[in-house]
Each structure stands twice: as C-alpha cells, then as structure tokens.
Amino acid sequence: MWIYSRLGYPVAVSQQVWAVLFVFIMVVAVTAVYEGIHAFEQWRHYFMESEQLKKAQLQSQLEALKQQVNPHFLFNSLNILDALIEEDPTQAREFLNEMSSVYRYLLRSNEQNLTPLSSELEFINSYFHLLRTRHGQALNLVTHISPQYVDHQLPPLTLQLLIENAVKHNVILPDRPLTIEIATDDRAQLTVRNNLQRKHIRVASNGVGISNILTKYRVLGQGTPTFTEDEQQFVVTLPLVAA
C-alpha cells in the first residue's frame, strides 16, 4: 500500500484495513493448514505405533491362550482315567492309548492360529472315542457338514472345548443320553448344540472353555461366536473363516 501511494495511486484507509485483514486471514489459514498437516502426521505416527503395540499384545495373548488348552485337556482327561483305573483297567489302558494320539494333535495345533474344519472334525472323532470309552452309548455325536465348508477354518480345539464343556456340565446316563450335534448352515456358520440336562451338583472348573473361544475369535479379528440357551438345549454358533 505504501508502494502504491509512492507511485501515485492513493489507497483509501478503509481499503488498507481490508487489505491488512485479508493478509492476516490468509496467514492464519496457511498456518492452520500447515499445523493441521503436521498434527495429522503426528497422529498417524502415534496411531501406527499404537496399532503395532496392540497387535503384539494380542499375539502374546493368543499364544498364552494356546498354552491354556493343553493343561485344560490333560486335567480333565486324567480325571476320567483315574475313574477308569478302578472301574475297568482294560478300558483304562485303551483310553490311555487314545489319549496319547489325541494329545499329539493338541501339541501340533498350537503351531497355527486357524485350522481347516475337516482337520478339526477328524480330531473330534478321535476325541469323541475317548469320551465314548468313559460314557458308552449314553453319549452321542451327530454331524451334518456341508462339503462346501470343509476347507473353511476356525481356531484349533474350538470344538473340543465345546464338547468337553457339554460333557462336564450335563448328566450322561443310559436313560438320559446326551446328544451333541455339529452342523453347518448356509451362512458359513457352524452350530454346536446339545440337549440340556444340567448336573445338580457344582462342577469343578478352571474357567477356560467358553472364555477361551471368545478371546481367540476376538484376538484373530474374526466374527463373534454366540451362545444361546433355553430349557431344552444349549447352542453355540461359530463363524467359519474362508480359506
């Protein structure tokens, strides 16, 4: 404005004020944009660090969950074996042999976060044989699996924990058989259901089971399993992960 005045182009005071105001607004706007970009870059940097830390923590948590399952299985299997030793030593030896085979699968399963449904079902058949050794015809397993989902995946030992949970908390007698059904639906979900006949006495539990399954799905970033119960049955719905 001073330059304009010196060149013979007088500038009114009001125009000077508006010019100064315009320059001020532009400076503020440019500064705000610059600071915003700088703040965003800092936030992005901190966010990425936070996500990396969170991922590391979740991975550590997943590894801890894997280590929980083996002692859980061993604890319950030894209780069954202890009862069989007095009732039927021959059957106890057969149970011990099957238990060794099943435990080998358990050790291998800890090497992966997800396993094919086909592998899990094959293992469950072996595991169910262990349970049948103890409970006989009073325990039944029924499967209805669509071939299109056999290659889908789920966290290892999920079915074992659910079956173990059903056996632990329900009465299993020849006149009151327990039936466990494993089936797929048309939404790539796996349902595990059993008829309800709760034991009246409190059952000792180390608290793994269902909480372990929920945490595994959360850690892996998969859908959340649902658990529903009415007077007749207990139903678990598990999301299957496409291979």
Protein backbone atom coordinates (compact mmCIF):
# COMPACT_ATOMS: atom_id res chain seq x y z
CA MET A 1 0.00 0.00 0.00
CA TRP A 2 2.88 2.34 0.76
CA ILE A 3 4.39 1.43 -2.63
CA TYR A 4 1.08 2.16 -4.34
CA SER A 5 0.98 5.61 -2.62
CA ARG A 6 4.53 6.41 -3.71
CA LEU A 7 3.63 5.54 -7.30
CA GLY A 8 0.78 8.00 -7.25
CA TYR A 9 -2.04 5.57 -6.62
CA PRO A 10 -3.51 6.65 -3.30
CA VAL A 11 -5.23 3.94 -1.29
CA ALA A 12 -8.12 4.72 0.98
CA VAL A 13 -7.83 3.90 4.69
CA SER A 14 -10.77 1.52 4.51
CA GLN A 15 -9.08 -0.33 1.67
CA GLN A 16 -5.90 -0.52 3.72
CA VAL A 17 -7.80 -2.08 6.61
CA TRP A 18 -9.43 -4.68 4.38
CA ALA A 19 -6.11 -5.45 2.74
CA VAL A 20 -4.41 -6.00 6.11
CA LEU A 21 -7.36 -8.12 7.28
CA PHE A 22 -7.17 -10.21 4.09
CA VAL A 23 -3.45 -10.80 4.52
CA PHE A 24 -3.98 -11.69 8.18
CA ILE A 25 -6.71 -14.21 7.30
CA MET A 26 -4.51 -15.78 4.61
CA VAL A 27 -1.60 -16.09 7.03
CA VAL A 28 -3.85 -17.70 9.65
CA ALA A 29 -5.35 -20.06 7.08
CA VAL A 30 -1.96 -21.16 5.73
CA THR A 31 -0.63 -21.59 9.26
CA ALA A 32 -3.70 -23.60 10.26
CA VAL A 33 -3.34 -25.88 7.23
CA TYR A 34 0.36 -26.41 7.93
CA GLU A 35 -0.25 -27.13 11.62
CA GLY A 36 -3.15 -29.42 10.71
CA ILE A 37 -0.96 -31.43 8.35
CA HIS A 38 1.77 -31.62 10.98
CA ALA A 39 -0.73 -32.71 13.67
CA PHE A 40 -2.22 -35.32 11.34
CA GLU A 41 1.22 -36.77 10.59
CA GLN A 42 1.98 -36.96 14.29
CA TRP A 43 -1.39 -38.62 14.98
CA ARG A 44 -0.80 -41.13 12.15
CA HIS A 45 2.63 -41.94 13.54
CA TYR A 46 1.30 -42.47 17.06
CA PHE A 47 -1.68 -44.47 15.73
CA MET A 48 0.59 -46.82 13.78
CA GLU A 49 2.80 -47.31 16.82
CA SER A 50 -0.26 -47.96 18.96
CA GLU A 51 -1.64 -50.50 16.46
CA GLN A 52 1.70 -52.30 16.28
CA LEU A 53 1.86 -52.45 20.06
CA LYS A 54 -1.74 -53.65 20.25
CA LYS A 55 -1.05 -56.33 17.64
CA ALA A 56 1.99 -57.53 19.58
CA GLN A 57 -0.03 -57.66 22.79
CA LEU A 58 -2.86 -59.60 21.10
CA GLN A 59 -0.39 -62.06 19.59
CA SER A 60 1.12 -62.59 23.02
CA GLN A 61 -2.36 -63.11 24.44
CA LEU A 62 -3.14 -65.65 21.71
CA GLU A 63 0.00 -67.61 22.50
CA ALA A 64 -0.98 -67.62 26.17
CA LEU A 65 -4.44 -68.95 25.26
CA LYS A 66 -2.90 -71.78 23.29
CA GLN A 67 -0.88 -72.82 26.29
CA GLN A 68 -4.03 -72.86 28.44
CA VAL A 69 -5.75 -75.54 26.36
CA ASN A 70 -3.27 -78.37 26.84
CA PRO A 71 -3.33 -78.35 30.66
CA HIS A 72 -7.12 -77.96 30.46
CA PHE A 73 -7.46 -81.09 28.33
CA LEU A 74 -4.90 -83.02 30.39
CA PHE A 75 -6.58 -82.14 33.68
CA ASN A 76 -9.99 -83.41 32.57
CA SER A 77 -8.62 -86.50 30.80
CA LEU A 78 -6.66 -87.55 33.87
CA ASN A 79 -9.82 -87.29 35.94
CA ILE A 80 -11.56 -89.68 33.53
CA LEU A 81 -8.56 -92.03 33.51
CA ASP A 82 -8.44 -92.05 37.29
CA ALA A 83 -12.07 -93.20 37.43
CA LEU A 84 -11.50 -95.88 34.78
CA ILE A 85 -8.49 -97.42 36.54
CA GLU A 86 -10.71 -98.70 39.35
CA GLU A 87 -13.76 -99.48 37.23
CA ASP A 88 -12.13 -101.22 34.24
CA PRO A 89 -8.30 -101.48 33.96
CA THR A 90 -8.51 -102.85 30.40
CA GLN A 91 -10.63 -99.95 29.27
CA ALA A 92 -8.27 -97.59 31.10
CA ARG A 93 -5.34 -98.83 29.00
CA GLU A 94 -7.35 -98.33 25.80
CA PHE A 95 -8.26 -94.85 26.95
CA LEU A 96 -4.61 -94.06 27.66
CA ASN A 97 -3.57 -95.11 24.14
CA GLU A 98 -6.26 -92.94 22.55
CA MET A 99 -5.34 -90.10 24.85
CA SER A 100 -1.75 -90.22 23.61
CA SER A 101 -2.91 -89.95 19.99
CA VAL A 102 -5.21 -87.05 20.77
CA TYR A 103 -2.57 -85.22 22.75
CA ARG A 104 -0.19 -85.33 19.78
CA TYR A 105 -2.79 -83.41 17.77
CA LEU A 106 -3.13 -80.91 20.58
CA LEU A 107 0.59 -80.21 20.50
CA ARG A 108 0.61 -79.76 16.73
CA SER A 109 -2.43 -77.50 16.78
CA ASN A 110 -0.58 -74.93 18.89
CA GLU A 111 1.61 -74.15 15.88
CA GLN A 112 -1.24 -72.43 13.99
CA ASN A 113 -3.92 -69.83 14.65
CA LEU A 114 -6.55 -71.37 12.35
CA THR A 115 -7.17 -74.92 11.20
CA PRO A 116 -9.41 -76.40 8.46
CA LEU A 117 -12.80 -77.61 9.60
CA SER A 118 -12.02 -81.02 8.08
CA SER A 119 -8.96 -81.42 10.32
CA GLU A 120 -10.85 -80.30 13.39
CA LEU A 121 -13.65 -82.78 12.70
CA GLU A 122 -11.18 -85.62 12.19
CA PHE A 123 -9.64 -84.79 15.55
CA ILE A 124 -13.07 -84.57 17.18
CA ASN A 125 -13.88 -88.09 16.04
CA SER A 126 -10.78 -89.33 17.85
CA TYR A 127 -11.54 -87.21 20.89
CA PHE A 128 -15.13 -88.44 20.95
CA HIS A 129 -13.83 -92.01 21.00
CA LEU A 130 -12.12 -91.14 24.29
CA LEU A 131 -15.38 -89.88 25.71
CA ARG A 132 -17.27 -92.93 24.46
CA THR A 133 -14.77 -95.11 26.34
CA ARG A 134 -15.99 -93.49 29.52
CA HIS A 135 -19.70 -92.94 28.82
CA GLY A 136 -20.62 -95.65 26.32
CA GLN A 137 -23.90 -95.39 24.39
CA ALA A 138 -25.13 -92.66 26.75
CA LEU A 139 -23.13 -90.12 24.73
CA ASN A 140 -23.89 -89.45 21.06
CA LEU A 141 -22.29 -87.26 18.41
CA VAL A 142 -24.14 -86.28 15.22
CA THR A 143 -22.58 -84.26 12.37
CA HIS A 144 -24.20 -82.55 9.39
CA ILE A 145 -21.41 -80.83 7.49
CA SER A 146 -21.86 -79.39 4.00
CA PRO A 147 -18.92 -80.32 1.71
CA GLN A 148 -18.58 -76.68 0.62
CA TYR A 149 -17.39 -75.69 4.09
CA VAL A 150 -14.88 -78.43 4.91
CA ASP A 151 -11.98 -76.18 3.85
CA HIS A 152 -13.21 -73.22 5.89
CA GLN A 153 -11.27 -72.54 9.06
CA LEU A 154 -11.72 -71.93 12.77
CA PRO A 155 -9.42 -71.64 15.79
CA PRO A 156 -7.91 -75.04 16.70
CA LEU A 157 -9.54 -77.03 19.51
CA THR A 158 -12.70 -74.92 19.49
CA LEU A 159 -14.94 -77.97 19.03
CA GLN A 160 -13.03 -79.94 21.62
CA LEU A 161 -13.61 -77.24 24.22
CA LEU A 162 -17.33 -77.09 23.42
CA ILE A 163 -17.81 -80.85 23.60
CA GLU A 164 -15.80 -81.02 26.78
CA ASN A 165 -17.95 -78.26 28.24
CA ALA A 166 -21.17 -80.11 27.35
CA VAL A 167 -19.92 -83.37 28.86
CA LYS A 168 -18.69 -81.68 32.01
CA HIS A 169 -21.90 -79.84 32.86
CA ASN A 170 -24.62 -82.30 31.83
CA VAL A 171 -25.91 -85.60 33.17
CA ILE A 172 -24.95 -88.55 30.95
CA LEU A 173 -26.81 -91.77 31.74
CA PRO A 174 -28.19 -94.67 29.67
CA ASP A 175 -31.73 -93.49 30.37
CA ARG A 176 -30.75 -89.84 29.92
CA PRO A 177 -28.33 -89.75 26.96
CA LEU A 178 -26.51 -86.60 25.94
CA THR A 179 -26.54 -85.81 22.22
CA ILE A 180 -24.15 -83.30 20.69
CA GLU A 181 -24.82 -82.10 17.14
CA ILE A 182 -22.31 -80.28 14.92
CA ALA A 183 -23.73 -78.76 11.72
CA THR A 184 -23.11 -76.06 9.13
CA ASP A 185 -25.71 -73.64 7.79
CA ASP A 186 -25.99 -71.67 4.53
CA ARG A 187 -24.28 -68.61 6.07
CA ALA A 188 -20.87 -70.24 6.58
CA GLN A 189 -21.54 -70.76 10.26
CA LEU A 190 -21.01 -73.81 12.40
CA THR A 191 -23.52 -74.65 15.13
CA VAL A 192 -22.80 -76.92 18.07
CA ARG A 193 -25.83 -77.86 20.14
CA ASN A 194 -26.61 -80.28 22.93
CA ASN A 195 -29.71 -81.18 24.91
CA LEU A 196 -29.73 -79.65 28.38
CA GLN A 197 -29.77 -81.85 31.47
CA ARG A 198 -27.70 -79.89 33.91
CA LYS A 199 -25.98 -81.57 36.83
CA HIS A 200 -27.42 -80.50 40.17
CA ILE A 201 -24.05 -80.51 41.92
CA ARG A 202 -21.45 -77.83 41.25
CA VAL A 203 -18.82 -78.97 38.76
CA ALA A 204 -15.17 -78.05 39.34
CA SER A 205 -13.89 -75.90 36.51
CA ASN A 206 -10.70 -73.92 35.81
CA GLY A 207 -12.63 -71.29 33.83
CA VAL A 208 -11.11 -71.80 30.37
CA GLY A 209 -13.74 -73.21 27.97
CA ILE A 210 -16.07 -70.62 26.52
CA SER A 211 -14.00 -67.59 27.56
CA ASN A 212 -11.04 -69.09 25.70
CA ILE A 213 -13.09 -69.44 22.49
CA LEU A 214 -14.44 -65.88 22.69
CA THR A 215 -10.99 -64.43 23.28
CA LYS A 216 -9.44 -66.41 20.40
CA TYR A 217 -12.01 -65.07 17.94
CA ARG A 218 -11.51 -61.53 19.21
CA VAL A 219 -7.72 -61.74 19.05
CA LEU A 220 -7.87 -63.11 15.50
CA GLY A 221 -10.24 -60.33 14.43
CA GLN A 222 -12.99 -62.73 13.37
CA GLY A 223 -16.74 -62.64 13.97
CA THR A 224 -18.03 -63.15 17.48
CA PRO A 225 -19.45 -66.58 18.46
CA THR A 226 -22.91 -66.54 20.02
CA PHE A 227 -24.19 -68.66 22.90
CA THR A 228 -27.89 -69.24 23.46
CA GLU A 229 -29.75 -71.43 25.91
CA ASP A 230 -33.33 -72.37 26.62
CA GLU A 231 -34.98 -75.07 28.71
CA GLN A 232 -34.19 -77.78 26.18
CA GLN A 233 -30.84 -77.05 24.55
CA PHE A 234 -27.59 -75.10 24.57
CA VAL A 235 -26.48 -73.74 21.18
CA VAL A 236 -23.18 -72.23 20.09
CA THR A 237 -22.84 -70.54 16.69
CA LEU A 238 -19.31 -70.15 15.34
CA PRO A 239 -18.30 -68.05 12.30
CA LEU A 240 -16.21 -70.01 9.80
CA VAL A 241 -13.32 -68.28 8.04
CA ALA A 242 -12.98 -68.77 4.30
CA ALA A 243 -9.64 -70.31 3.38
